[in-house]
């Protein structure tokens, strides 16, 4: 009724020739926007594409992923985008202008994914639908209802997998698959479940190994028995079916080209991924040029660091030294995990000097599960966890571990994401992750470690620079592969020559970029935006610049498109560089 009344008032004012004040226009535009994103979010929750605020337990149902459901989502988001484009951003209040910019970019990316039918490729070199569902088994269960819902999930797994297999077949038929070369060995994560000797040997039994003491012993035993039965009768056969198709048909017939531009949709598809992952309209050619220029700057820093290490030799010789000297590698998985913990605690000692707001949520340091480790990245972090890959220790350099830890734990992903989640009065869609911002912040965190005194030796400084070069080289390699005809060997050689990454890491990383177009572009372009925003604020504010206020302002935004970050820092400067948080009385 209120919306209709507002429309009547607006029409009347126009007919009578009366001016509608900016505040009135903003109120009406704000209300329209809130109505759109509120209804869309409720729809997302109903589709099992998001979780409701009060939903903290294990969900009983899996999302539908079949073609009719996917087409319905395309139609729905297309309608939402039309509604958004009927709103003039200039009519919105400052807070809703930010919401509009974030939300419209999010809907546009979701819609593009549906238009290009990305759901027909539910697998890449890094992950797949069968590894994604396995993560639900690794989260903590608290109540009997959690376990009962989990059992319902397990029973629904065969139907869900059948839908994904149909999607894979449709993608294969039109050449929309990861390159065949990037899928070698990826069946190991299927085999670990399909061919496990007993249900208890699978990841899906994890919640039943240690159960809450609040659940009576008899009920625990009954739930364990039901869990083992569900895994044996539903989960393992479903994985067996996927394994047979993946090995017998999908991989043998997967495309032999590498470039995204060789896929259906060609240049338009790759450009859509650039827009999604960088939140800019930069072209592949321009990004390639930026990467080459930044690599030259980092190489100069590398040469200076080699001098500080008193190493008598050139860059190739230094890289060979770093890759082969035993002093730079842990002897046991426990040693690697403990060294990661040591860096994390060094950050804790200085956190309040660089951040005014510290997240309430802590994180655990965990080894990457054995079934995923061979093809997984060196580490990965998020709310509550920092995963460290302890597989193939000669590939996990200790001189790179401090930079990795700052990136994945604090002040990187396991710090930034909880800060965003803890903000009050923010629409649900603002808690979604935007790669350019999130990865840019994590990479900025690695550089910040230099100021914080985290790096204790020239080797650790070089490890940080190697990681900077790794991300800058992605601008060159990703665009090289997907837009300039680079080969896999050419991309591997570029990383080997310009970073201290091990051969194993180089191979797994290049395969990741080949099968995940555009994602690798997020990191360095995001970091450049944050660094430029800081330089601008430091210059404008002079002695008023407070690093804690700057960092709090950036992180309070949550994940946003890079142009929104730039606009927020302009406001931060205009406000005199004050903290975004109210002072305690």
Protein backbone atom coordinates (compact mmCIF):
# COMPACT_ATOMS: atom_id res chain seq x y z
CA UNK A 1 0.00 0.00 0.00
CA UNK A 2 2.83 2.39 0.87
CA UNK A 3 4.47 1.92 -2.56
CA UNK A 4 1.17 2.60 -4.34
CA UNK A 5 0.57 5.69 -2.21
CA UNK A 6 4.05 6.96 -3.02
CA UNK A 7 3.37 6.52 -6.74
CA UNK A 8 0.10 8.43 -6.42
CA UNK A 9 1.77 11.31 -4.57
CA UNK A 10 4.56 11.47 -7.15
CA UNK A 11 2.09 11.50 -10.05
CA UNK A 12 0.03 14.21 -8.40
CA UNK A 13 3.05 16.43 -7.85
CA UNK A 14 4.11 16.07 -11.47
CA UNK A 15 0.60 16.86 -12.74
CA UNK A 16 0.38 19.94 -10.52
CA UNK A 17 3.81 21.13 -11.59
CA UNK A 18 5.22 20.87 -8.07
CA UNK A 19 8.89 20.08 -7.50
CA UNK A 20 9.71 16.86 -5.73
CA UNK A 21 12.61 17.44 -3.36
CA UNK A 22 15.79 15.33 -3.46
CA UNK A 23 14.94 13.77 -0.11
CA UNK A 24 11.55 12.61 -1.41
CA UNK A 25 13.07 11.17 -4.59
CA UNK A 26 15.72 9.37 -2.55
CA UNK A 27 13.11 7.94 -0.20
CA UNK A 28 11.07 6.60 -3.09
CA UNK A 29 14.08 5.23 -4.99
CA UNK A 30 15.45 3.66 -1.81
CA UNK A 31 12.14 1.95 -1.16
CA UNK A 32 11.97 0.57 -4.70
CA UNK A 33 15.51 -0.79 -4.47
CA UNK A 34 14.93 -2.37 -1.07
CA UNK A 35 11.76 -4.02 -2.34
CA UNK A 36 13.66 -5.53 -5.26
CA UNK A 37 16.61 -6.93 -3.35
CA UNK A 38 14.49 -8.12 -0.42
CA UNK A 39 12.14 -10.16 -2.60
CA UNK A 40 15.02 -11.50 -4.73
CA UNK A 41 16.92 -12.64 -1.65
CA UNK A 42 13.87 -14.47 -0.31
CA UNK A 43 13.57 -16.17 -3.70
CA UNK A 44 17.28 -17.10 -3.56
CA UNK A 45 16.75 -18.71 -0.16
CA UNK A 46 13.73 -20.63 -1.47
CA UNK A 47 15.88 -21.89 -4.36
CA UNK A 48 18.53 -23.13 -1.92
CA UNK A 49 21.02 -20.71 -3.50
CA UNK A 50 21.44 -18.81 -0.22
CA UNK A 51 20.71 -19.28 3.47
CA UNK A 52 18.27 -17.37 5.65
CA UNK A 53 19.66 -15.29 8.52
CA UNK A 54 18.24 -17.58 11.18
CA UNK A 55 19.35 -20.78 9.40
CA UNK A 56 22.42 -21.96 11.28
CA UNK A 57 21.94 -25.71 11.02
CA UNK A 58 22.42 -28.33 8.33
CA UNK A 59 20.00 -27.99 5.44
CA UNK A 60 17.79 -30.96 4.62
CA UNK A 61 17.56 -30.30 0.88
CA UNK A 62 19.97 -29.72 -1.97
CA UNK A 63 19.36 -27.09 -4.63
CA UNK A 64 17.87 -28.14 -7.95
CA UNK A 65 20.48 -27.81 -10.68
CA UNK A 66 18.69 -29.34 -13.67
CA UNK A 67 18.24 -27.42 -16.93
CA UNK A 68 14.61 -26.27 -16.33
CA UNK A 69 15.56 -24.85 -12.92
CA UNK A 70 18.59 -23.13 -14.42
CA UNK A 71 16.53 -21.58 -17.21
CA UNK A 72 13.97 -20.35 -14.69
CA UNK A 73 16.79 -18.62 -12.81
CA UNK A 74 17.95 -16.93 -15.99
CA UNK A 75 14.47 -15.59 -16.64
CA UNK A 76 14.06 -14.44 -13.04
CA UNK A 77 17.38 -12.59 -12.87
CA UNK A 78 16.73 -11.04 -16.27
CA UNK A 79 13.54 -9.58 -14.83
CA UNK A 80 15.37 -8.34 -11.72
CA UNK A 81 17.97 -6.58 -13.87
CA UNK A 82 15.21 -4.80 -15.82
CA UNK A 83 13.69 -3.61 -12.55
CA UNK A 84 17.07 -2.34 -11.36
CA UNK A 85 17.72 -0.47 -14.58
CA UNK A 86 14.46 1.43 -14.10
CA UNK A 87 16.02 3.06 -11.02
CA UNK A 88 18.20 6.15 -11.38
CA UNK A 89 21.23 5.73 -9.07
CA UNK A 90 21.38 9.53 -8.70
CA UNK A 91 18.03 9.39 -6.87
CA UNK A 92 19.34 7.04 -4.18
CA UNK A 93 20.65 7.97 -0.75
CA UNK A 94 24.44 7.52 -0.24
CA UNK A 95 24.08 4.17 1.52
CA UNK A 96 21.70 2.75 -1.06
CA UNK A 97 23.92 3.97 -3.89
CA UNK A 98 26.56 1.57 -2.57
CA UNK A 99 23.98 -1.19 -2.25
CA UNK A 100 22.81 -0.54 -5.80
CA UNK A 101 26.33 -0.70 -7.26
CA UNK A 102 27.12 -3.95 -5.41
CA UNK A 103 23.75 -5.55 -6.12
CA UNK A 104 23.53 -4.68 -9.79
CA UNK A 105 27.03 -6.06 -10.43
CA UNK A 106 26.09 -9.22 -8.53
CA UNK A 107 22.87 -9.77 -10.49
CA UNK A 108 24.63 -9.04 -13.81
CA UNK A 109 27.29 -11.66 -13.03
CA UNK A 110 24.67 -14.24 -11.99
CA UNK A 111 22.70 -13.55 -15.16
CA UNK A 112 25.76 -13.81 -17.41
CA UNK A 113 26.59 -17.19 -15.88
CA UNK A 114 23.11 -18.40 -16.75
CA UNK A 115 23.19 -16.92 -20.26
CA UNK A 116 26.43 -18.71 -21.04
CA UNK A 117 25.09 -21.84 -19.28
CA UNK A 118 28.09 -22.19 -17.02
CA UNK A 119 26.17 -24.78 -15.03
CA UNK A 120 26.94 -27.18 -17.88
CA UNK A 121 30.55 -27.25 -16.64
CA UNK A 122 30.22 -28.09 -12.93
CA UNK A 123 33.87 -29.17 -12.72
CA UNK A 124 37.29 -27.59 -13.17
CA UNK A 125 40.88 -28.38 -12.25
CA UNK A 126 40.39 -26.95 -8.77
CA UNK A 127 37.01 -28.28 -7.64
CA UNK A 128 33.75 -29.91 -8.70
CA UNK A 129 30.22 -30.51 -7.50
CA UNK A 130 31.29 -33.74 -5.82
CA UNK A 131 33.99 -31.97 -3.79
CA UNK A 132 31.63 -29.11 -2.93
CA UNK A 133 29.03 -31.40 -1.37
CA UNK A 134 31.75 -33.15 0.61
CA UNK A 135 32.44 -29.92 2.49
CA UNK A 136 29.09 -30.20 4.25
CA UNK A 137 30.49 -33.28 5.97
CA UNK A 138 33.33 -31.25 7.46
CA UNK A 139 31.28 -28.59 9.19
CA UNK A 140 30.35 -29.02 12.88
CA UNK A 141 27.02 -30.63 13.68
CA UNK A 142 25.33 -29.59 16.93
CA UNK A 143 21.89 -31.15 17.19
CA UNK A 144 20.06 -34.38 16.34
CA UNK A 145 18.11 -32.36 13.77
CA UNK A 146 21.42 -31.50 12.04
CA UNK A 147 22.12 -35.21 11.71
CA UNK A 148 18.64 -36.03 10.49
CA UNK A 149 18.85 -33.28 7.87
CA UNK A 150 22.26 -34.58 6.86
CA UNK A 151 20.80 -38.05 6.38
CA UNK A 152 18.15 -36.54 4.11
CA UNK A 153 20.92 -34.86 2.10
CA UNK A 154 22.72 -38.18 1.70
CA UNK A 155 19.55 -39.84 0.49
CA UNK A 156 19.02 -37.02 -2.05
CA UNK A 157 22.58 -37.18 -3.38
CA UNK A 158 21.93 -39.65 -6.25
CA UNK A 159 19.19 -37.46 -7.77
CA UNK A 160 21.36 -34.36 -7.36
CA UNK A 161 24.33 -36.08 -9.01
CA UNK A 162 22.10 -37.24 -11.87
CA UNK A 163 21.16 -33.62 -12.54
CA UNK A 164 24.81 -32.62 -12.60
CA UNK A 165 25.68 -35.51 -14.90
CA UNK A 166 22.99 -34.30 -17.31
CA UNK A 167 24.55 -30.84 -17.16
CA UNK A 168 27.98 -32.32 -17.92
CA UNK A 169 26.58 -34.24 -20.90
CA UNK A 170 24.98 -31.07 -22.29
CA UNK A 171 28.24 -29.17 -21.88
CA UNK A 172 30.25 -31.95 -23.49
CA UNK A 173 27.90 -32.03 -26.48
CA UNK A 174 28.61 -28.38 -27.28
CA UNK A 175 32.30 -28.30 -26.35
CA UNK A 176 31.77 -26.45 -23.08
CA UNK A 177 34.17 -28.38 -20.83
CA UNK A 178 37.46 -27.76 -19.07
CA UNK A 179 40.44 -28.58 -21.30
CA UNK A 180 41.18 -32.29 -21.20
CA UNK A 181 44.76 -31.73 -20.04
CA UNK A 182 43.57 -30.06 -16.82
CA UNK A 183 41.41 -33.02 -15.77
CA UNK A 184 44.16 -35.63 -15.51
CA UNK A 185 44.08 -37.31 -12.10
CA UNK A 186 41.06 -35.33 -10.87
CA UNK A 187 39.11 -38.56 -10.46
CA UNK A 188 41.03 -39.20 -7.22
CA UNK A 189 38.46 -37.21 -5.25
CA UNK A 190 35.71 -39.44 -6.67
CA UNK A 191 37.64 -42.68 -6.12
CA UNK A 192 38.21 -41.85 -2.44
CA UNK A 193 34.46 -42.19 -1.88
CA UNK A 194 33.30 -44.58 -4.60
CA UNK A 195 35.91 -47.24 -3.84
CA UNK A 196 36.28 -46.80 -0.11
CA UNK A 197 36.23 -50.19 1.62
CA UNK A 198 33.61 -49.13 4.14
CA UNK A 199 31.31 -46.13 4.61
CA UNK A 200 33.40 -45.25 7.66
CA UNK A 201 36.42 -44.70 5.38
CA UNK A 202 34.71 -41.87 3.47
CA UNK A 203 34.66 -38.16 4.23
CA UNK A 204 30.87 -38.36 4.55
CA UNK A 205 31.17 -40.32 7.77
CA UNK A 206 33.17 -37.51 9.43
CA UNK A 207 30.25 -36.03 11.43
CA UNK A 208 29.59 -39.40 13.04
CA UNK A 209 33.12 -39.92 14.36
CA UNK A 210 32.79 -37.34 17.11
CA UNK A 211 29.25 -36.45 18.09
CA UNK A 212 28.02 -33.86 20.62
CA UNK A 213 27.81 -35.20 24.17
CA UNK A 214 24.34 -33.66 24.43
CA UNK A 215 23.00 -36.41 22.15
CA UNK A 216 22.23 -39.60 24.16
CA UNK A 217 24.53 -42.54 23.48
CA UNK A 218 21.75 -44.74 22.12
CA UNK A 219 20.66 -42.05 19.69
CA UNK A 220 24.26 -41.56 18.62
CA UNK A 221 24.57 -45.25 17.77
CA UNK A 222 21.31 -45.19 15.81
CA UNK A 223 22.42 -42.13 13.85
CA UNK A 224 25.78 -43.74 13.11
CA UNK A 225 24.07 -46.85 11.79
CA UNK A 226 21.74 -44.77 9.63
CA UNK A 227 24.69 -42.73 8.38
CA UNK A 228 26.71 -45.78 7.37
CA UNK A 229 23.67 -47.22 5.61
CA UNK A 230 22.98 -44.00 3.70
CA UNK A 231 26.59 -43.72 2.59
CA UNK A 232 26.68 -47.35 1.48
CA UNK A 233 23.30 -47.35 -0.30
CA UNK A 234 23.14 -43.81 -1.71
CA UNK A 235 26.43 -41.93 -1.63
CA UNK A 236 28.93 -44.54 -2.78
CA UNK A 237 26.77 -45.73 -5.73
CA UNK A 238 26.26 -42.08 -6.77
CA UNK A 239 30.01 -41.47 -6.73
CA UNK A 240 30.53 -44.74 -8.62
CA UNK A 241 28.20 -43.53 -11.34
CA UNK A 242 30.05 -40.21 -11.62
CA UNK A 243 33.40 -42.01 -11.69
CA UNK A 244 32.33 -44.26 -14.56
CA UNK A 245 31.12 -41.32 -16.63
CA UNK A 246 34.03 -39.02 -15.78
CA UNK A 247 36.74 -41.53 -16.62
CA UNK A 248 34.95 -43.42 -19.38
CA UNK A 249 33.41 -40.60 -21.38
CA UNK A 250 33.87 -37.05 -20.08
CA UNK A 251 37.64 -36.81 -19.87
CA UNK A 252 38.33 -38.69 -23.12
CA UNK A 253 35.96 -36.40 -25.04
CA UNK A 254 36.76 -33.12 -23.26
CA UNK A 255 37.98 -30.30 -25.49
CA UNK A 256 41.66 -30.15 -26.45
CA UNK A 257 41.76 -26.35 -26.84
CA UNK A 258 42.82 -24.17 -23.89
CA UNK A 259 41.42 -20.68 -24.46
CA UNK A 260 38.12 -19.42 -23.11
CA UNK A 261 37.79 -17.64 -26.42
CA UNK A 262 37.73 -21.09 -28.09
CA UNK A 263 34.62 -22.04 -26.11
CA UNK A 264 31.03 -21.34 -27.15
CA UNK A 265 30.53 -17.59 -26.81
CA UNK A 266 34.21 -16.94 -27.46
CA UNK A 267 35.38 -13.38 -26.80
CA UNK A 268 32.08 -12.35 -25.21
CA UNK A 269 32.33 -15.19 -22.70
CA UNK A 270 35.88 -14.30 -21.65
CA UNK A 271 35.02 -10.61 -21.39
CA UNK A 272 32.08 -11.50 -19.13
CA UNK A 273 34.51 -13.31 -16.83
CA UNK A 274 36.86 -10.31 -16.85
CA UNK A 275 33.96 -8.06 -15.78
CA UNK A 276 32.87 -10.53 -13.09
CA UNK A 277 36.28 -11.13 -11.56
CA UNK A 278 37.79 -7.63 -11.88
CA UNK A 279 34.61 -5.49 -11.62
CA UNK A 280 36.11 -3.37 -14.41
CA UNK A 281 35.62 -3.09 -18.16
CA UNK A 282 39.32 -3.53 -18.93
CA UNK A 283 40.13 -5.54 -22.07
CA UNK A 284 42.31 -8.64 -22.13
CA UNK A 285 44.94 -6.72 -24.09
CA UNK A 286 45.11 -3.91 -21.52
CA UNK A 287 45.31 -6.33 -18.61
CA UNK A 288 48.16 -8.16 -20.34
CA UNK A 289 50.05 -4.87 -20.69
CA UNK A 290 49.50 -3.99 -17.01
CA UNK A 291 50.83 -7.42 -16.01
CA UNK A 292 54.02 -7.02 -18.01
CA UNK A 293 54.65 -3.55 -16.57
CA UNK A 294 54.07 -4.69 -12.97
CA UNK A 295 56.28 -7.73 -13.43
CA UNK A 296 59.16 -5.45 -14.45
CA UNK A 297 58.76 -3.44 -11.22
CA UNK A 298 58.68 -6.55 -9.05
CA UNK A 299 61.76 -8.02 -10.74
CA UNK A 300 63.67 -4.86 -9.79
CA UNK A 301 62.64 -5.38 -6.14
CA UNK A 302 63.69 -9.01 -6.39
CA UNK A 303 67.19 -8.05 -7.53
CA UNK A 304 67.55 -5.66 -4.58
CA UNK A 305 66.47 -8.39 -2.16
CA UNK A 306 68.95 -10.87 -3.66
CA UNK A 307 71.72 -8.36 -2.89
CA UNK A 308 70.51 -8.08 0.71
CA UNK A 309 70.72 -11.87 0.99
CA UNK A 310 74.41 -11.63 -0.06
CA UNK A 311 73.81 -14.17 -2.79
CA UNK A 312 76.46 -14.32 -5.48
CA UNK A 313 74.46 -15.07 -8.62
CA UNK A 314 71.63 -13.95 -10.88
CA UNK A 315 67.86 -14.43 -10.49
CA UNK A 316 67.69 -17.90 -12.14
CA UNK A 317 70.48 -19.11 -9.89
CA UNK A 318 68.76 -17.68 -6.81
CA UNK A 319 65.49 -19.35 -7.74
CA UNK A 320 67.28 -22.67 -8.17
CA UNK A 321 68.92 -22.19 -4.76
CA UNK A 322 65.58 -21.49 -3.10
CA UNK A 323 63.90 -24.48 -4.73
CA UNK A 324 66.59 -26.97 -3.74
CA UNK A 325 68.17 -25.98 -0.41
CA UNK A 326 66.73 -28.21 2.39
CA UNK A 327 66.80 -25.37 4.93
CA UNK A 328 63.75 -23.84 3.22
CA UNK A 329 61.45 -26.85 3.58
CA UNK A 330 59.63 -28.46 6.49
CA UNK A 331 60.44 -32.06 7.29
CA UNK A 332 57.01 -32.96 8.63
CA UNK A 333 53.44 -31.75 8.10
CA UNK A 334 53.34 -30.73 11.74
CA UNK A 335 56.34 -28.45 11.28
CA UNK A 336 54.66 -26.69 8.37
CA UNK A 337 51.45 -26.21 10.37
CA UNK A 338 53.35 -24.89 13.38
CA UNK A 339 55.32 -22.41 11.28
CA UNK A 340 52.03 -21.15 9.86
CA UNK A 341 50.69 -20.74 13.40
CA UNK A 342 53.82 -18.81 14.41
CA UNK A 343 53.25 -16.24 11.66
CA UNK A 344 49.58 -15.92 12.59
CA UNK A 345 50.51 -15.15 16.20
CA UNK A 346 53.10 -12.58 15.07
CA UNK A 347 50.27 -10.76 13.35
CA UNK A 348 48.13 -10.92 16.51
CA UNK A 349 50.85 -9.08 18.43
CA UNK A 350 50.60 -6.07 16.12
CA UNK A 351 46.99 -6.21 14.95
CA UNK A 352 45.76 -3.29 17.10
CA UNK A 353 48.41 -1.00 15.60
CA UNK A 354 46.90 -1.40 12.13
CA UNK A 355 43.20 -2.12 12.77
CA UNK A 356 40.72 -0.44 15.07
CA UNK A 357 38.03 -3.10 14.59
CA UNK A 358 39.07 -6.71 15.19
CA UNK A 359 36.66 -9.52 14.25
CA UNK A 360 35.18 -11.64 17.03
CA UNK A 361 35.52 -14.87 15.08
CA UNK A 362 38.79 -16.81 15.39
CA UNK A 363 40.16 -19.33 12.90
CA UNK A 364 41.67 -22.81 13.06
CA UNK A 365 44.75 -23.90 11.10
CA UNK A 366 44.00 -27.20 9.38
CA UNK A 367 45.68 -29.50 6.84
CA UNK A 368 44.04 -29.80 3.42
CA UNK A 369 42.20 -33.17 3.26
CA UNK A 370 44.30 -35.95 1.71
CA UNK A 371 41.89 -36.65 -1.15
CA UNK A 372 42.07 -33.05 -2.40
CA UNK A 373 45.64 -32.11 -1.51
CA UNK A 374 47.49 -33.30 -4.66
CA UNK A 375 45.67 -30.79 -6.89
CA UNK A 376 44.86 -28.12 -4.30
CA UNK A 377 46.48 -24.73 -3.83
CA UNK A 378 49.16 -24.14 -1.17
CA UNK A 379 46.52 -22.84 1.20
CA UNK A 380 43.05 -21.39 1.44
CA UNK A 381 41.31 -19.36 4.10
CA UNK A 382 37.90 -18.12 5.11
CA UNK A 383 35.68 -17.58 8.16
CA UNK A 384 36.87 -19.91 10.88
CA UNK A 385 39.60 -21.75 8.98
CA UNK A 386 43.00 -21.52 7.31
CA UNK A 387 43.76 -24.67 5.30
CA UNK A 388 47.46 -25.44 4.76
CA UNK A 389 48.47 -27.98 2.12
CA UNK A 390 50.91 -30.43 3.71
CA UNK A 391 51.05 -32.70 0.64
CA UNK A 392 54.45 -32.91 -1.12
CA UNK A 393 56.46 -30.94 1.46
CA UNK A 394 59.37 -30.23 -0.96
CA UNK A 395 56.88 -28.06 -2.86
CA UNK A 396 55.87 -26.01 0.23
CA UNK A 397 58.59 -23.43 0.77
CA UNK A 398 58.94 -21.97 4.26
CA UNK A 399 60.16 -18.65 2.85
CA UNK A 400 56.74 -18.22 1.20
CA UNK A 401 54.74 -19.36 4.22
CA UNK A 402 54.54 -15.95 5.98
CA UNK A 403 53.05 -14.33 2.87
CA UNK A 404 50.67 -17.26 2.39
CA UNK A 405 49.56 -17.03 6.02
CA UNK A 406 48.90 -13.29 5.89
CA UNK A 407 46.89 -13.82 2.69
CA UNK A 408 44.76 -16.75 3.83
CA UNK A 409 44.38 -16.11 7.58
CA UNK A 410 44.82 -12.67 9.15
CA UNK A 411 44.61 -9.94 8.06
CA UNK A 412 43.53 -11.70 4.83
CA UNK A 413 40.55 -13.95 4.19
CA UNK A 414 39.96 -15.35 7.71
CA UNK A 415 39.98 -11.74 9.00
CA UNK A 416 38.31 -9.75 6.22
CA UNK A 417 35.34 -12.08 5.73
CA UNK A 418 34.30 -12.14 9.43
CA UNK A 419 34.62 -8.34 9.62
CA UNK A 420 32.19 -8.10 6.69
CA UNK A 421 29.81 -10.62 8.24
CA UNK A 422 29.78 -8.80 11.57
CA UNK A 423 28.55 -5.49 10.14
CA UNK A 424 25.06 -4.57 11.33
CA UNK A 425 22.20 -3.38 9.16
CA UNK A 426 23.72 -4.64 5.90
CA UNK A 427 21.50 -6.37 3.32
CA UNK A 428 22.13 -10.11 2.98
CA UNK A 429 23.45 -9.84 -0.57
CA UNK A 430 26.28 -7.61 0.70
CA UNK A 431 27.76 -10.63 2.49
CA UNK A 432 28.51 -12.33 -0.81
CA UNK A 433 32.14 -12.53 -1.90
CA UNK A 434 33.47 -10.32 -4.71
CA UNK A 435 36.78 -11.70 -5.90
CA UNK A 436 38.46 -8.44 -6.99
CA UNK A 437 37.94 -6.93 -3.55
CA UNK A 438 38.49 -10.04 -1.42
CA UNK A 439 41.56 -11.32 -3.26
CA UNK A 440 42.88 -7.79 -3.70
CA UNK A 441 42.66 -7.25 0.05
CA UNK A 442 44.39 -10.57 0.78
CA UNK A 443 47.25 -9.69 -1.58
CA UNK A 444 47.48 -6.21 -0.05
CA UNK A 445 47.79 -8.01 3.32
CA UNK A 446 50.94 -9.73 2.07
CA UNK A 447 52.54 -6.35 1.29
CA UNK A 448 51.33 -4.98 4.61
CA UNK A 449 53.44 -7.65 6.31
CA UNK A 450 56.53 -5.67 5.33
CA UNK A 451 55.34 -2.65 7.33
CA UNK A 452 54.31 -4.85 10.23
CA UNK A 453 57.71 -6.50 10.48
CA UNK A 454 56.39 -9.98 9.82
CA UNK A 455 59.18 -10.90 7.38
CA UNK A 456 62.37 -11.56 9.33
CA UNK A 457 64.87 -12.52 6.61
CA UNK A 458 65.64 -11.47 3.02
CA UNK A 459 64.42 -14.93 2.01
CA UNK A 460 60.98 -14.30 3.51
CA UNK A 461 60.87 -10.87 1.85
CA UNK A 462 61.73 -12.58 -1.42
CA UNK A 463 58.97 -15.11 -0.75
CA UNK A 464 56.55 -12.20 -0.48
CA UNK A 465 57.90 -10.70 -3.71
CA UNK A 466 57.64 -14.08 -5.40
CA UNK A 467 53.98 -14.18 -4.40
CA UNK A 468 53.52 -10.64 -5.74
CA UNK A 469 55.12 -11.76 -9.00
CA UNK A 470 52.93 -14.85 -8.99
CA UNK A 471 49.78 -12.69 -8.91
CA UNK A 472 51.09 -10.09 -11.37
CA UNK A 473 52.14 -12.88 -13.73
CA UNK A 474 48.56 -14.15 -13.63
CA UNK A 475 47.55 -11.01 -15.51
CA UNK A 476 49.97 -12.06 -18.22
CA UNK A 477 49.29 -15.80 -18.13
CA UNK A 478 45.48 -15.72 -17.88
CA UNK A 479 45.10 -13.30 -20.77
CA UNK A 480 47.89 -15.07 -22.63
CA UNK A 481 46.08 -18.41 -22.44
CA UNK A 482 42.54 -17.21 -22.97
CA UNK A 483 43.02 -14.39 -25.48
CA UNK A 484 46.50 -14.59 -27.02
CA UNK A 485 46.98 -18.25 -27.90
CA UNK A 486 49.51 -19.22 -25.22
CA UNK A 487 50.24 -22.90 -24.66
CA UNK A 488 50.21 -24.65 -21.31
CA UNK A 489 53.99 -25.08 -21.51
CA UNK A 490 54.45 -21.39 -22.29
CA UNK A 491 52.43 -20.40 -19.22
CA UNK A 492 54.34 -22.83 -16.98
CA UNK A 493 57.67 -21.51 -18.24
CA UNK A 494 56.64 -17.92 -17.52
CA UNK A 495 55.83 -18.76 -13.90
CA UNK A 496 58.99 -20.83 -13.42
CA UNK A 497 61.13 -17.96 -14.73
CA UNK A 498 59.47 -15.20 -12.75
CA UNK A 499 58.55 -16.71 -9.37
CA UNK A 500 60.05 -19.01 -6.75
CA UNK A 501 57.09 -21.38 -6.92
CA UNK A 502 57.91 -25.07 -7.07
CA UNK A 503 57.35 -27.02 -10.28
CA UNK A 504 54.41 -28.84 -8.66
CA UNK A 505 52.72 -25.57 -7.69
CA UNK A 506 53.33 -24.08 -11.12
CA UNK A 507 51.68 -27.05 -12.82
CA UNK A 508 48.61 -27.10 -10.56
CA UNK A 509 48.24 -23.31 -10.72
CA UNK A 510 48.43 -23.10 -14.51
CA UNK A 511 45.82 -25.84 -14.82
CA UNK A 512 43.64 -23.86 -12.46
CA UNK A 513 43.89 -20.73 -14.64
CA UNK A 514 43.21 -22.71 -17.80
CA UNK A 515 40.02 -24.26 -16.41
CA UNK A 516 38.81 -21.17 -14.48
CA UNK A 517 38.99 -18.20 -16.91
CA UNK A 518 39.33 -14.75 -15.41
CA UNK A 519 39.48 -15.64 -11.70
CA UNK A 520 43.26 -15.22 -11.62
CA UNK A 521 42.86 -11.58 -12.68
CA UNK A 522 41.18 -10.60 -9.41
CA UNK A 523 44.20 -10.50 -7.15
CA UNK A 524 46.66 -8.00 -8.52
CA UNK A 525 44.12 -5.60 -9.99
CA UNK A 526 42.31 -5.57 -6.63
CA UNK A 527 45.53 -4.91 -4.74
CA UNK A 528 46.44 -2.08 -7.11
CA UNK A 529 43.07 -0.43 -6.42
CA UNK A 530 43.54 -0.63 -2.63
CA UNK A 531 47.11 0.65 -2.83
CA UNK A 532 46.05 3.56 -5.03
CA UNK A 533 43.21 4.40 -2.63
CA UNK A 534 45.67 4.44 0.27
CA UNK A 535 48.19 6.63 -1.60
CA UNK A 536 45.41 9.07 -2.41
CA UNK A 537 44.23 9.20 1.22
CA UNK A 538 47.75 9.59 2.61
CA UNK A 539 48.50 12.46 0.25
CA UNK A 540 45.21 14.26 0.86
CA UNK A 541 45.07 13.81 4.64
CA UNK A 542 48.74 14.23 5.52
CA UNK A 543 49.20 14.07 9.30
CA UNK A 544 45.49 13.30 9.76
CA UNK A 545 45.91 9.94 8.02
CA UNK A 546 45.44 7.05 10.46
CA UNK A 547 46.20 3.61 9.02
CA UNK A 548 43.69 2.00 11.39
CA UNK A 549 40.87 4.24 10.21
CA UNK A 550 41.77 3.59 6.57
CA UNK A 551 41.80 -0.18 7.02
CA UNK A 552 38.56 -0.12 9.01
CA UNK A 553 36.90 1.96 6.30
CA UNK A 554 37.97 -0.45 3.58
CA UNK A 555 36.94 -3.58 5.47
CA UNK A 556 33.64 -2.19 6.76
CA UNK A 557 32.44 -2.10 3.15
CA UNK A 558 32.52 -5.87 2.86
CA UNK A 559 33.14 -7.06 -0.71
CA UNK A 560 32.35 -4.34 -3.23
CA UNK A 561 33.22 -3.56 -6.86
CA UNK A 562 36.47 -1.62 -7.14
CA UNK A 563 34.79 1.61 -8.34
CA UNK A 564 32.70 1.57 -5.13
CA UNK A 565 35.89 1.30 -3.05
CA UNK A 566 37.33 4.31 -4.86
CA UNK A 567 34.19 6.37 -4.18
CA UNK A 568 34.16 5.36 -0.49
CA UNK A 569 37.75 6.48 0.00
CA UNK A 570 36.93 9.82 -1.61
CA UNK A 571 34.22 10.21 1.03
CA UNK A 572 36.69 9.07 3.73
CA UNK A 573 39.03 11.87 2.67
CA UNK A 574 36.20 14.43 2.60
CA UNK A 575 35.24 13.37 6.14
CA UNK A 576 38.77 14.07 7.36
CA UNK A 577 39.90 10.46 7.61
CA UNK A 578 37.77 9.63 10.64
CA UNK A 579 36.97 6.10 11.82
CA UNK A 580 33.82 4.56 10.31
CA UNK A 581 32.90 3.23 13.76
CA UNK A 582 31.28 5.44 16.43
CA UNK A 583 33.44 6.23 19.43
CA UNK A 584 32.59 4.44 22.65
CA UNK A 585 30.99 6.71 25.22
